N, C-alpha and C. Protein backbone atom coordinates (compact mmCIF):
# COMPACT_ATOMS: atom_id res chain seq x y z
N MET A 1 4.73 159.63 125.86
CA MET A 1 5.29 158.48 125.11
C MET A 1 6.77 158.49 125.19
N GLY A 2 7.42 157.46 125.51
CA GLY A 2 8.91 157.40 125.53
C GLY A 2 9.54 157.45 124.24
N ALA A 3 10.80 157.64 124.19
CA ALA A 3 11.61 157.70 123.01
C ALA A 3 11.64 156.30 122.26
N GLY A 4 11.44 156.26 121.00
CA GLY A 4 11.49 154.97 120.23
C GLY A 4 12.91 154.82 119.74
N LEU A 5 13.19 153.62 119.12
CA LEU A 5 14.51 153.35 118.56
C LEU A 5 14.94 154.41 117.57
N ARG A 6 13.97 154.89 116.76
CA ARG A 6 14.30 155.90 115.81
C ARG A 6 14.84 157.22 116.42
N ASP A 7 14.53 157.37 117.72
CA ASP A 7 14.95 158.65 118.34
C ASP A 7 16.27 158.50 119.06
N ILE A 8 16.88 157.32 119.09
CA ILE A 8 18.14 157.18 119.77
C ILE A 8 19.19 156.65 118.90
N ALA A 9 20.40 156.34 119.49
CA ALA A 9 21.55 155.93 118.66
C ALA A 9 21.19 154.62 117.95
N PRO A 10 21.81 154.35 116.85
CA PRO A 10 21.52 153.16 116.10
C PRO A 10 21.94 151.86 116.97
N LYS A 11 21.31 150.87 116.63
CA LYS A 11 21.70 149.53 117.41
C LYS A 11 22.24 148.53 116.38
N GLU A 12 23.03 147.72 116.95
CA GLU A 12 23.61 146.57 116.00
C GLU A 12 22.61 145.50 116.05
N VAL A 13 22.04 145.12 114.93
CA VAL A 13 21.03 144.12 114.83
C VAL A 13 21.65 142.71 114.46
N TYR A 14 21.16 141.75 115.12
CA TYR A 14 21.67 140.35 114.95
C TYR A 14 20.49 139.53 114.35
N SER A 15 20.84 138.54 113.60
CA SER A 15 19.78 137.56 113.04
C SER A 15 20.25 136.11 113.37
N VAL A 16 19.30 135.30 113.72
CA VAL A 16 19.52 133.90 113.98
C VAL A 16 18.47 133.12 113.34
N LYS A 17 18.85 131.89 113.03
CA LYS A 17 17.89 131.03 112.31
C LYS A 17 17.25 130.22 113.50
N ILE A 18 16.00 129.81 113.24
CA ILE A 18 15.35 128.86 114.13
C ILE A 18 15.21 127.57 113.40
N ALA A 19 15.90 126.61 113.81
CA ALA A 19 15.86 125.28 113.14
C ALA A 19 15.88 124.20 114.14
N GLU A 20 14.78 123.84 114.80
CA GLU A 20 14.76 122.88 115.85
C GLU A 20 13.96 121.61 115.30
N ALA A 21 14.59 120.51 115.32
CA ALA A 21 13.99 119.31 114.91
C ALA A 21 12.73 118.91 115.69
N ALA A 22 11.99 118.00 115.27
CA ALA A 22 10.82 117.51 116.02
C ALA A 22 11.40 116.90 117.35
N GLY A 23 10.67 117.18 118.40
CA GLY A 23 11.03 116.75 119.69
C GLY A 23 10.21 117.40 120.66
N THR A 24 10.38 117.20 121.93
CA THR A 24 9.61 117.88 122.96
C THR A 24 10.45 118.82 123.76
N GLY A 25 9.85 119.74 124.44
CA GLY A 25 10.52 120.59 125.32
C GLY A 25 10.91 121.90 124.72
N ASP A 26 11.42 122.87 125.54
CA ASP A 26 11.84 124.08 125.17
C ASP A 26 13.18 124.07 124.47
N PHE A 27 13.52 125.09 123.68
CA PHE A 27 14.85 125.19 123.04
C PHE A 27 15.32 126.62 122.94
N GLU A 28 16.61 126.78 123.09
CA GLU A 28 17.28 128.12 123.03
C GLU A 28 17.31 128.69 121.65
N VAL A 29 16.94 129.96 121.57
CA VAL A 29 17.02 130.69 120.26
C VAL A 29 18.23 131.60 120.29
N VAL A 30 18.36 132.35 121.48
CA VAL A 30 19.47 133.40 121.65
C VAL A 30 20.07 133.04 123.03
N PRO A 31 21.41 132.79 123.14
CA PRO A 31 22.00 132.56 124.39
C PRO A 31 21.99 133.84 125.25
N ALA A 32 22.12 133.70 126.55
CA ALA A 32 22.18 134.80 127.51
C ALA A 32 23.49 135.59 127.27
N VAL A 33 23.34 136.92 127.50
CA VAL A 33 24.56 137.75 127.40
C VAL A 33 24.51 138.52 128.74
N SER A 34 25.58 138.37 129.59
CA SER A 34 25.61 138.95 130.87
C SER A 34 25.26 140.48 130.93
N GLY A 35 24.27 140.76 131.70
CA GLY A 35 23.78 142.03 131.90
C GLY A 35 23.05 142.71 130.78
N LYS A 36 22.77 141.99 129.77
CA LYS A 36 22.01 142.50 128.63
C LYS A 36 20.65 141.88 128.43
N LYS A 37 19.67 142.74 127.88
CA LYS A 37 18.39 142.30 127.50
C LYS A 37 18.41 141.95 125.95
N ILE A 38 17.71 141.00 125.62
CA ILE A 38 17.46 140.59 124.18
C ILE A 38 16.18 141.15 123.73
N THR A 39 16.28 142.11 122.90
CA THR A 39 15.09 142.79 122.32
C THR A 39 14.72 142.24 120.97
N VAL A 40 13.64 141.59 120.78
CA VAL A 40 13.20 141.09 119.48
C VAL A 40 12.49 142.10 118.72
N ILE A 41 13.05 142.32 117.44
CA ILE A 41 12.33 143.32 116.61
C ILE A 41 11.66 142.74 115.36
N GLY A 42 11.85 141.46 115.14
CA GLY A 42 11.10 140.81 114.04
C GLY A 42 11.39 139.22 114.09
N PHE A 43 10.35 138.51 113.69
CA PHE A 43 10.48 137.01 113.70
C PHE A 43 9.53 136.41 112.76
N PHE A 44 9.82 135.14 112.29
CA PHE A 44 8.93 134.37 111.50
C PHE A 44 9.16 132.94 111.84
N VAL A 45 8.11 132.24 112.22
CA VAL A 45 8.18 130.88 112.71
C VAL A 45 7.16 129.98 111.96
N THR A 46 7.50 128.86 111.49
CA THR A 46 6.70 127.95 110.83
C THR A 46 6.76 126.51 111.46
N CYS A 47 5.70 125.70 111.43
CA CYS A 47 5.70 124.46 111.97
C CYS A 47 5.05 123.44 110.99
N SER A 48 5.56 122.18 111.03
CA SER A 48 5.07 121.25 110.03
C SER A 48 3.72 120.61 110.46
N ALA A 49 3.37 120.79 111.71
CA ALA A 49 2.05 120.38 112.20
C ALA A 49 1.59 121.28 113.25
N ALA A 50 0.32 121.25 113.60
CA ALA A 50 -0.23 122.18 114.53
C ALA A 50 0.37 122.14 115.96
N GLN A 51 0.69 123.23 116.59
CA GLN A 51 1.20 123.22 117.97
C GLN A 51 1.15 124.77 118.44
N THR A 52 1.48 124.97 119.68
CA THR A 52 1.57 126.32 120.25
C THR A 52 2.98 126.53 120.53
N ILE A 53 3.44 127.88 120.42
CA ILE A 53 4.72 128.16 120.78
C ILE A 53 4.63 129.49 121.66
N THR A 54 5.57 129.58 122.59
CA THR A 54 5.58 130.77 123.41
C THR A 54 7.11 131.24 123.58
N PHE A 55 7.33 132.53 123.41
CA PHE A 55 8.66 133.01 123.59
C PHE A 55 8.81 133.33 125.11
N GLU A 56 9.95 132.94 125.69
CA GLU A 56 10.10 133.05 127.09
C GLU A 56 11.63 133.49 127.47
N SER A 57 11.66 134.22 128.54
CA SER A 57 12.98 134.61 129.12
C SER A 57 13.32 133.53 130.11
N ASP A 58 14.58 133.02 130.08
CA ASP A 58 14.96 131.84 130.85
C ASP A 58 16.31 132.06 131.58
N ASN A 59 16.38 131.67 132.83
CA ASN A 59 17.69 131.79 133.52
C ASN A 59 18.02 130.35 133.90
N THR A 60 17.58 129.40 133.34
CA THR A 60 17.76 127.98 133.57
C THR A 60 17.08 127.32 134.75
N SER A 61 16.47 128.19 135.67
CA SER A 61 15.77 127.64 136.74
C SER A 61 14.36 128.28 136.75
N THR A 62 14.17 129.44 136.15
CA THR A 62 12.82 130.08 136.04
C THR A 62 12.58 130.53 134.70
N GLN A 63 11.40 130.39 134.19
CA GLN A 63 11.05 130.92 132.84
C GLN A 63 9.93 131.91 133.05
N THR A 64 10.04 133.07 132.30
CA THR A 64 9.04 134.05 132.23
C THR A 64 8.45 134.19 130.88
N ALA A 65 7.19 134.02 130.72
CA ALA A 65 6.60 134.14 129.34
C ALA A 65 6.63 135.62 128.91
N LEU A 66 7.11 135.74 127.66
CA LEU A 66 7.15 137.14 127.04
C LEU A 66 6.03 137.28 126.01
N THR A 67 5.38 136.16 125.61
CA THR A 67 4.27 136.20 124.80
C THR A 67 3.28 135.26 125.27
N GLY A 68 2.05 135.27 124.76
CA GLY A 68 1.12 134.21 125.10
C GLY A 68 1.37 133.05 124.24
N ALA A 69 0.71 131.93 124.55
CA ALA A 69 0.81 130.73 123.63
C ALA A 69 0.27 131.06 122.27
N MET A 70 1.03 131.09 121.27
CA MET A 70 0.59 131.29 119.87
C MET A 70 0.36 129.94 119.12
N THR A 71 -0.77 129.82 118.58
CA THR A 71 -1.08 128.56 117.82
C THR A 71 -0.62 128.73 116.42
N VAL A 72 0.14 127.76 115.97
CA VAL A 72 0.58 127.62 114.55
C VAL A 72 -0.17 126.42 113.95
N ASN A 73 -0.91 126.61 112.94
CA ASN A 73 -1.62 125.49 112.27
C ASN A 73 -0.62 124.66 111.43
N THR A 74 -1.08 123.45 110.99
CA THR A 74 -0.24 122.67 110.20
C THR A 74 0.25 123.45 108.98
N ASN A 75 1.48 123.41 108.71
CA ASN A 75 2.17 124.07 107.68
C ASN A 75 1.82 125.60 107.73
N GLY A 76 1.48 126.20 108.86
CA GLY A 76 1.18 127.53 109.09
C GLY A 76 2.40 128.27 109.59
N TRP A 77 2.27 129.65 109.89
CA TRP A 77 3.29 130.37 110.27
C TRP A 77 2.70 131.61 111.14
N ILE A 78 3.71 132.17 111.89
CA ILE A 78 3.44 133.30 112.72
C ILE A 78 4.60 134.30 112.44
N LYS A 79 4.18 135.53 112.25
CA LYS A 79 5.26 136.58 111.85
C LYS A 79 5.06 137.76 112.76
N GLY A 80 6.20 138.30 113.19
CA GLY A 80 6.11 139.57 113.97
C GLY A 80 6.93 140.60 113.04
N ASN A 81 6.14 141.39 112.36
CA ASN A 81 6.74 142.34 111.43
C ASN A 81 7.82 143.28 112.15
N TYR A 82 8.62 143.81 111.34
CA TYR A 82 9.68 144.69 111.94
C TYR A 82 9.13 145.74 112.82
N ASN A 83 9.64 145.80 113.99
CA ASN A 83 9.26 146.79 115.07
C ASN A 83 10.48 147.28 115.65
N PRO A 84 11.04 148.56 115.32
CA PRO A 84 12.28 148.92 115.77
C PRO A 84 12.25 149.22 117.31
N ASP A 85 11.19 149.27 117.93
CA ASP A 85 11.13 149.49 119.33
C ASP A 85 11.08 148.12 120.09
N GLY A 86 10.88 147.06 119.33
CA GLY A 86 10.84 145.69 119.96
C GLY A 86 9.46 145.17 120.19
N HIS A 87 9.26 143.91 119.90
CA HIS A 87 7.98 143.19 120.21
C HIS A 87 8.00 142.77 121.74
N PHE A 88 9.12 142.36 122.16
CA PHE A 88 9.26 141.88 123.54
C PHE A 88 10.79 141.77 123.83
N LYS A 89 11.11 141.71 125.11
CA LYS A 89 12.55 141.59 125.50
C LYS A 89 12.66 140.70 126.79
N THR A 90 13.89 140.13 126.87
CA THR A 90 14.01 139.20 128.04
C THR A 90 14.56 139.98 129.20
N ILE A 91 14.60 139.35 130.39
CA ILE A 91 15.08 139.91 131.51
C ILE A 91 16.61 139.96 131.36
N ALA A 92 17.26 141.05 131.82
CA ALA A 92 18.74 141.22 131.62
C ALA A 92 19.48 140.00 132.14
N GLY A 93 20.35 139.54 131.23
CA GLY A 93 21.22 138.39 131.53
C GLY A 93 20.59 136.96 131.38
N GLU A 94 19.33 137.03 130.77
CA GLU A 94 18.74 135.66 130.52
C GLU A 94 18.68 135.34 128.99
N ARG A 95 18.50 134.12 128.73
CA ARG A 95 18.48 133.67 127.37
C ARG A 95 16.97 133.65 126.88
N LEU A 96 16.88 133.76 125.51
CA LEU A 96 15.58 133.68 124.90
C LEU A 96 15.34 132.20 124.46
N ILE A 97 14.25 131.67 124.88
CA ILE A 97 13.85 130.29 124.43
C ILE A 97 12.47 130.27 123.81
N VAL A 98 12.22 129.27 123.13
CA VAL A 98 10.84 128.84 122.65
C VAL A 98 10.32 127.71 123.37
N ALA A 99 9.16 127.84 124.01
CA ALA A 99 8.49 126.77 124.67
C ALA A 99 7.40 126.25 123.68
N ARG A 100 7.48 124.93 123.34
CA ARG A 100 6.58 124.50 122.35
C ARG A 100 5.51 123.46 123.08
N GLY A 101 4.30 123.52 122.55
CA GLY A 101 3.25 122.69 123.14
C GLY A 101 3.12 121.45 122.41
N GLY A 102 3.93 121.00 121.49
CA GLY A 102 3.93 119.79 120.79
C GLY A 102 5.25 119.29 120.53
N SER A 103 5.40 118.21 119.74
CA SER A 103 6.62 117.61 119.37
C SER A 103 6.97 117.69 117.94
N VAL A 104 6.59 118.87 117.35
CA VAL A 104 6.89 119.14 115.89
C VAL A 104 8.11 120.02 115.72
N ALA A 105 8.68 119.90 114.53
CA ALA A 105 9.82 120.77 114.15
C ALA A 105 9.37 122.25 114.09
N VAL A 106 10.19 123.15 114.45
CA VAL A 106 9.96 124.61 114.40
C VAL A 106 11.15 125.21 113.62
N HIS A 107 10.87 125.96 112.66
CA HIS A 107 11.77 126.69 111.76
C HIS A 107 11.44 128.09 111.61
N GLY A 108 12.42 128.95 111.26
CA GLY A 108 12.15 130.30 110.85
C GLY A 108 13.44 131.09 111.23
N TRP A 109 13.18 132.42 111.57
CA TRP A 109 14.32 133.34 111.82
C TRP A 109 13.84 134.33 112.78
N LEU A 110 14.82 135.04 113.34
CA LEU A 110 14.49 136.11 114.43
C LEU A 110 15.58 137.15 114.39
N ASN A 111 15.12 138.45 114.42
CA ASN A 111 16.09 139.51 114.45
C ASN A 111 15.98 140.25 115.82
N TYR A 112 17.10 140.65 116.33
CA TYR A 112 17.13 141.18 117.74
C TYR A 112 18.34 142.14 117.97
N TYR A 113 18.29 142.93 118.94
CA TYR A 113 19.41 143.66 119.39
C TYR A 113 19.58 143.50 120.88
N LEU A 114 20.84 143.91 121.40
CA LEU A 114 21.07 143.80 122.89
C LEU A 114 21.01 145.22 123.48
N GLU A 115 20.47 145.24 124.69
CA GLU A 115 20.43 146.57 125.34
C GLU A 115 20.80 146.34 126.88
């Protein structure tokens, strides 16, 4: 088993809000940082109506799914509890986006660090 976050130097953790109005299409959660991976260590997402969401790594021409399509029921939520080793991470230099399968508002928060 490889070293976990608790076994290495501390990381600077960032928090962002997810506040995307109803509409269609993907939206950016964390912008790309040149040469860095975005490692998600916790998140909470809620939707006002049923839809699916997928976290993806995006370089503006190619998207790579980091999670499967997660179904959020009406007024439901999805949560990724704190995981210091990361739930998933983007490809270096790519932004983190949410691809949604409906046209409903998506809200919540996300914690991450760069590596």
